[in-house]
Amino acid sequence: MELGISSYSFHRLGKGPEGHGAIPPVEAMIDRTAALGLTGFEVLGVHMPSTERDYLNGLKRHALKAGVHFLSVSAHHDFVKPDAEARREQVGIVEQWIEVAAMMGAPVVRVFGGRWRTIPDFSEYMALRGHEPPVPGYTEDDAWEWIFDGFGTCLKTAQREGVVLALENHWGFTASAAGTCRIIETLDSPWMGAMIDTGNFLEGDLYAEIEAMAPHAVLVQAKAYPGGGLYYTLDLDYPRIIDIFRRHGYRGALSLEMEGNAHPDEGVPAALAMLRAALAR
């Protein structure tokens, strides 16, 4: 497996626990990636100040000179919206990031399933393990149909551009392997797979959840918590996790998402050392 890193690991170099303030430029994060001896880099869409072609071409050139390639870019969207026009806008967001990924040479766009957003406070939402009640007057069956319809449209663009949609297990309707796999298996497209975040399984047997999703994996995000987690800390057995993916024939990237309280200058190298040791076993 290739070891990579997400820009999520660097964004707290700004002020505050979530990097509110001066987030490093993407070019600086690419340089840090290379300095850490890594070649694969994921970039969150929210960390990119522009999607104009000149800017994207500049990033491609910078990454090439640094010896780094893009593993993925991340869309930030939500299809769980009762208003049809709002859902069409969300489809447009995903389609835009598919086109951005194609221009950047990134093979994957990270996507979400969605959530109701009836609990606005994130700490309360986390206390409920990523679950919340529906919007009054609507049901979960409604939301599933919105999700299927939204991705059904986006997959046409993904196929045209040669970009895979990687659905992350990320709260709401994809809080579990069952929900995430339901979407992937219902759409049944070679242009959709799973982005498995090892730190986002808060219920049930974490290793059984990973095992259930592993056949669909196109990218794996490895959570690590140096200095203790910002929201919670999971005791993740990475030799065991890596063995699961190897048994399923996964040969893609293992991309670090450092979510600890440690400063990234300290936490990122420590987390990478842990992952390198696990991969070497």
Protein backbone atom coordinates (compact mmCIF):
# COMPACT_ATOMS: atom_id res chain seq x y z
CA MET A 1 0.00 0.00 0.00
CA GLU A 2 1.08 3.55 -0.70
CA LEU A 3 1.20 5.79 2.37
CA GLY A 4 -0.31 9.23 1.77
CA ILE A 5 -1.75 12.16 3.69
CA SER A 6 -4.82 14.39 3.66
CA SER A 7 -4.75 18.17 3.90
CA TYR A 8 -7.02 17.59 6.92
CA SER A 9 -3.83 16.62 8.78
CA PHE A 10 -2.33 20.08 8.23
CA HIS A 11 -5.22 22.51 8.48
CA ARG A 12 -4.89 23.00 12.23
CA LEU A 13 -1.63 24.82 11.61
CA GLY A 14 -3.93 27.85 11.58
CA LYS A 15 -5.35 29.26 14.81
CA GLY A 16 -7.70 27.16 16.89
CA PRO A 17 -8.48 23.44 17.07
CA GLU A 18 -9.90 23.33 13.55
CA GLY A 19 -7.40 25.68 11.94
CA HIS A 20 -9.63 28.77 12.02
CA GLY A 21 -7.34 31.49 10.80
CA ALA A 22 -4.45 31.17 8.39
CA ILE A 23 -4.71 27.73 6.81
CA PRO A 24 -1.50 26.90 4.93
CA PRO A 25 -1.69 27.27 1.14
CA VAL A 26 -2.19 23.99 -0.71
CA GLU A 27 1.27 24.42 -2.25
CA ALA A 28 2.80 24.50 1.26
CA MET A 29 0.90 21.33 2.21
CA ILE A 30 2.21 19.63 -0.93
CA ASP A 31 5.74 20.61 0.07
CA ARG A 32 5.18 19.22 3.57
CA THR A 33 3.91 15.99 2.04
CA ALA A 34 7.12 15.62 0.03
CA ALA A 35 9.30 16.53 3.02
CA LEU A 36 7.66 13.73 5.00
CA GLY A 37 8.74 11.23 2.33
CA LEU A 38 5.21 10.75 0.97
CA THR A 39 4.01 10.82 -2.62
CA GLY A 40 0.22 10.77 -2.28
CA PHE A 41 -1.80 13.82 -1.21
CA GLU A 42 -5.52 14.34 -0.66
CA VAL A 43 -6.89 17.87 -0.72
CA LEU A 44 -10.18 18.99 0.78
CA GLY A 45 -12.14 21.28 -1.49
CA VAL A 46 -12.59 23.77 1.35
CA HIS A 47 -8.80 24.21 1.46
CA MET A 48 -8.63 25.34 -2.17
CA PRO A 49 -9.10 29.09 -2.69
CA SER A 50 -10.03 28.68 -6.35
CA THR A 51 -11.21 26.17 -8.92
CA GLU A 52 -10.11 28.26 -11.88
CA ARG A 53 -8.10 26.39 -14.48
CA ASP A 54 -4.98 28.57 -14.07
CA TYR A 55 -4.90 27.85 -10.33
CA LEU A 56 -5.45 24.11 -10.83
CA ASN A 57 -2.75 23.95 -13.49
CA GLY A 58 -0.39 25.69 -11.08
CA LEU A 59 -1.14 23.08 -8.41
CA LYS A 60 -0.48 20.27 -10.89
CA ARG A 61 2.85 21.80 -11.84
CA HIS A 62 3.81 22.35 -8.20
CA ALA A 63 2.92 18.76 -7.27
CA LEU A 64 4.84 17.37 -10.23
CA LYS A 65 8.00 19.24 -9.26
CA ALA A 66 7.59 18.06 -5.65
CA GLY A 67 7.18 14.42 -6.69
CA VAL A 68 3.65 14.29 -5.31
CA HIS A 69 0.41 13.17 -6.96
CA PHE A 70 -3.19 13.81 -5.98
CA LEU A 71 -5.03 10.88 -4.43
CA SER A 72 -8.37 12.66 -4.22
CA VAL A 73 -10.22 15.93 -3.92
CA SER A 74 -13.18 16.28 -1.60
CA ALA A 75 -16.62 17.61 -2.37
CA HIS A 76 -18.70 19.06 0.47
CA HIS A 77 -22.37 18.49 -0.22
CA ASP A 78 -25.55 16.95 1.16
CA PHE A 79 -28.41 15.37 -0.81
CA VAL A 80 -30.66 15.04 2.25
CA LYS A 81 -32.69 18.16 1.55
CA PRO A 82 -36.49 18.20 1.11
CA ASP A 83 -36.37 20.99 -1.47
CA ALA A 84 -35.81 19.65 -5.00
CA GLU A 85 -34.01 22.79 -6.18
CA ALA A 86 -31.64 22.58 -3.21
CA ARG A 87 -30.84 18.98 -4.16
CA ARG A 88 -30.12 20.03 -7.75
CA GLU A 89 -27.68 22.60 -6.39
CA GLN A 90 -25.93 19.85 -4.42
CA VAL A 91 -25.67 17.72 -7.56
CA GLY A 92 -24.03 20.70 -9.24
CA ILE A 93 -21.48 20.94 -6.44
CA VAL A 94 -20.45 17.30 -6.87
CA GLU A 95 -20.32 17.63 -10.65
CA GLN A 96 -18.07 20.67 -10.31
CA TRP A 97 -15.62 18.76 -8.13
CA ILE A 98 -15.63 15.83 -10.53
CA GLU A 99 -14.52 18.22 -13.25
CA VAL A 100 -11.92 19.78 -10.93
CA ALA A 101 -10.54 16.33 -10.11
CA ALA A 102 -10.27 15.51 -13.80
CA MET A 103 -8.38 18.74 -14.47
CA MET A 104 -6.02 18.01 -11.56
CA GLY A 105 -5.42 14.40 -12.53
CA ALA A 106 -7.00 13.14 -9.29
CA PRO A 107 -8.69 9.75 -9.82
CA VAL A 108 -11.15 10.13 -6.94
CA VAL A 109 -13.68 12.60 -5.53
CA ARG A 110 -14.64 12.01 -1.90
CA VAL A 111 -18.43 12.28 -1.45
CA PHE A 112 -20.89 12.11 1.44
CA GLY A 113 -24.23 10.35 1.80
CA GLY A 114 -25.86 13.16 3.76
CA ARG A 115 -27.68 13.88 7.01
CA TRP A 116 -30.83 15.66 8.18
CA ARG A 117 -29.01 18.46 10.05
CA THR A 118 -31.80 18.69 12.61
CA ILE A 119 -29.15 18.77 15.36
CA PRO A 120 -26.97 21.79 14.52
CA ASP A 121 -24.60 21.46 17.50
CA PHE A 122 -21.77 19.14 16.42
CA SER A 123 -20.84 18.08 19.96
CA GLU A 124 -24.43 17.02 20.62
CA TYR A 125 -24.51 15.27 17.25
CA MET A 126 -21.34 13.35 18.11
CA ALA A 127 -22.80 12.39 21.48
CA LEU A 128 -25.64 10.77 19.51
CA ARG A 129 -23.09 8.90 17.36
CA GLY A 130 -24.02 10.74 14.18
CA HIS A 131 -27.75 10.05 14.36
CA GLU A 132 -30.58 12.60 14.35
CA PRO A 133 -34.33 12.72 13.71
CA PRO A 134 -35.76 13.44 10.24
CA VAL A 135 -37.05 16.84 9.20
CA PRO A 136 -40.72 16.93 10.28
CA GLY A 137 -43.01 15.66 7.55
CA TYR A 138 -40.37 13.46 5.89
CA THR A 139 -39.06 9.94 6.41
CA GLU A 140 -35.80 8.09 5.99
CA ASP A 141 -37.27 6.43 2.88
CA ASP A 142 -37.57 9.90 1.35
CA ALA A 143 -33.93 10.62 2.14
CA TRP A 144 -32.68 7.34 0.66
CA GLU A 145 -34.43 8.16 -2.62
CA TRP A 146 -32.90 11.64 -2.67
CA ILE A 147 -29.45 10.12 -2.13
CA PHE A 148 -29.89 7.50 -4.86
CA ASP A 149 -31.23 10.07 -7.32
CA GLY A 150 -28.46 12.56 -6.60
CA PHE A 151 -25.67 10.06 -7.07
CA GLY A 152 -27.37 8.55 -10.09
CA THR A 153 -27.05 11.89 -11.84
CA CYS A 154 -23.50 12.54 -10.62
CA LEU A 155 -22.28 9.15 -11.78
CA LYS A 156 -22.98 10.09 -15.39
CA THR A 157 -20.52 12.95 -15.04
CA ALA A 158 -18.05 10.74 -13.17
CA GLN A 159 -18.07 8.20 -15.99
CA ARG A 160 -17.64 10.89 -18.62
CA GLU A 161 -14.66 12.42 -16.80
CA GLY A 162 -13.09 9.12 -15.70
CA VAL A 163 -13.28 9.95 -11.98
CA VAL A 164 -14.44 7.56 -9.24
CA LEU A 165 -16.83 8.75 -6.54
CA ALA A 166 -15.54 7.49 -3.19
CA LEU A 167 -18.35 7.43 -0.62
CA GLU A 168 -17.07 8.02 2.90
CA ASN A 169 -18.55 6.48 6.03
CA HIS A 170 -19.26 9.92 7.48
CA TRP A 171 -22.23 10.15 9.87
CA GLY A 172 -25.87 10.41 8.94
CA PHE A 173 -26.93 7.88 6.33
CA THR A 174 -23.36 6.59 6.01
CA ALA A 175 -22.59 6.27 9.72
CA SER A 176 -22.37 2.50 9.32
CA ALA A 177 -21.02 0.01 6.83
CA ALA A 178 -24.60 -1.08 6.14
CA GLY A 179 -25.72 2.41 5.11
CA THR A 180 -22.61 3.12 3.06
CA CYS A 181 -22.74 -0.25 1.28
CA ARG A 182 -26.47 0.16 0.65
CA ILE A 183 -25.76 3.24 -1.48
CA ILE A 184 -22.81 1.70 -3.32
CA GLU A 185 -24.61 -1.57 -4.01
CA THR A 186 -27.87 0.10 -5.04
CA LEU A 187 -26.10 2.34 -7.57
CA ASP A 188 -23.95 -0.62 -8.67
CA SER A 189 -21.55 1.45 -10.76
CA PRO A 190 -17.85 0.87 -11.52
CA TRP A 191 -17.48 4.62 -10.96
CA MET A 192 -18.45 4.44 -7.28
CA GLY A 193 -16.58 2.84 -4.41
CA ALA A 194 -15.88 3.41 -0.73
CA MET A 195 -13.55 5.79 1.04
CA ILE A 196 -13.15 4.03 4.35
CA ASP A 197 -12.37 6.32 7.28
CA THR A 198 -11.11 4.10 10.08
CA GLY A 199 -12.07 6.65 12.73
CA ASN A 200 -15.71 7.13 11.77
CA PHE A 201 -17.18 3.86 13.07
CA LEU A 202 -18.62 4.69 16.49
CA GLU A 203 -21.06 1.80 16.89
CA GLY A 204 -20.75 -1.96 16.71
CA ASP A 205 -17.57 -3.91 15.99
CA LEU A 206 -15.23 -1.50 14.20
CA TYR A 207 -13.25 -4.31 12.55
CA ALA A 208 -16.41 -6.05 11.34
CA GLU A 209 -17.55 -2.73 9.85
CA ILE A 210 -14.24 -2.32 8.02
CA GLU A 211 -14.43 -5.94 6.84
CA ALA A 212 -17.91 -5.33 5.40
CA MET A 213 -16.78 -2.27 3.46
CA ALA A 214 -13.34 -3.50 2.39
CA PRO A 215 -14.50 -5.11 -0.89
CA HIS A 216 -15.68 -1.67 -2.05
CA ALA A 217 -12.55 0.26 -0.99
CA VAL A 218 -10.93 2.66 -3.44
CA LEU A 219 -9.17 4.76 -0.79
CA VAL A 220 -8.55 4.34 2.95
CA GLN A 221 -8.21 7.22 5.40
CA ALA A 222 -6.25 6.29 8.51
CA LYS A 223 -7.27 8.31 11.54
CA ALA A 224 -4.69 8.91 14.27
CA TYR A 225 -4.93 10.85 17.52
CA PRO A 226 -1.52 12.03 18.80
CA GLY A 227 -2.09 14.07 21.93
CA GLY A 228 -5.62 12.71 22.30
CA GLY A 229 -8.50 13.18 19.88
CA LEU A 230 -10.18 16.50 19.18
CA TYR A 231 -13.62 14.91 19.54
CA TYR A 232 -12.91 11.37 20.73
CA THR A 233 -10.08 8.85 20.62
CA LEU A 234 -10.34 5.35 19.17
CA ASP A 235 -7.85 2.60 19.93
CA LEU A 236 -7.16 1.45 16.38
CA ASP A 237 -5.19 -1.74 15.77
CA TYR A 238 -3.54 -0.85 12.45
CA PRO A 239 -1.75 -4.16 11.85
CA ARG A 240 -5.18 -5.82 12.12
CA ILE A 241 -6.83 -3.17 9.91
CA ILE A 242 -4.12 -3.44 7.25
CA ASP A 243 -4.45 -7.22 7.28
CA ILE A 244 -8.18 -6.90 6.54
CA PHE A 245 -7.50 -4.78 3.47
CA ARG A 246 -4.71 -7.04 2.26
CA ARG A 247 -6.95 -10.09 2.54
CA HIS A 248 -9.49 -8.33 0.33
CA GLY A 249 -6.84 -7.55 -2.27
CA TYR A 250 -6.72 -3.82 -1.61
CA ARG A 251 -3.49 -2.27 -2.94
CA GLY A 252 -4.46 1.39 -2.92
CA ALA A 253 -3.40 4.21 -0.64
CA LEU A 254 -3.53 4.50 3.14
CA SER A 255 -3.95 8.23 3.70
CA LEU A 256 -3.32 9.78 7.12
CA GLU A 257 -5.92 12.00 8.73
CA MET A 258 -4.29 13.30 11.89
CA GLU A 259 -7.07 14.36 14.28
CA GLY A 260 -5.14 14.65 17.52
CA ASN A 261 -4.58 17.63 19.76
CA ALA A 262 -0.85 17.51 19.07
CA HIS A 263 0.53 20.24 16.82
CA PRO A 264 0.79 18.85 13.27
CA ASP A 265 4.56 19.42 13.28
CA GLU A 266 4.74 16.77 16.01
CA GLY A 267 1.56 14.75 15.56
CA VAL A 268 1.90 14.04 11.84
CA PRO A 269 5.43 12.51 12.00
CA ALA A 270 4.41 10.44 15.04
CA ALA A 271 1.30 9.13 13.29
CA LEU A 272 3.24 8.32 10.12
CA ALA A 273 5.85 6.41 12.11
CA MET A 274 3.06 4.33 13.64
CA LEU A 275 1.52 3.60 10.23
CA ARG A 276 4.88 2.77 8.65
CA ALA A 277 5.57 0.27 11.43
CA ALA A 278 2.15 -1.32 10.91
CA LEU A 279 2.68 -1.60 7.15
CA ALA A 280 6.10 -3.22 7.67
CA ARG A 281 4.71 -6.08 9.77
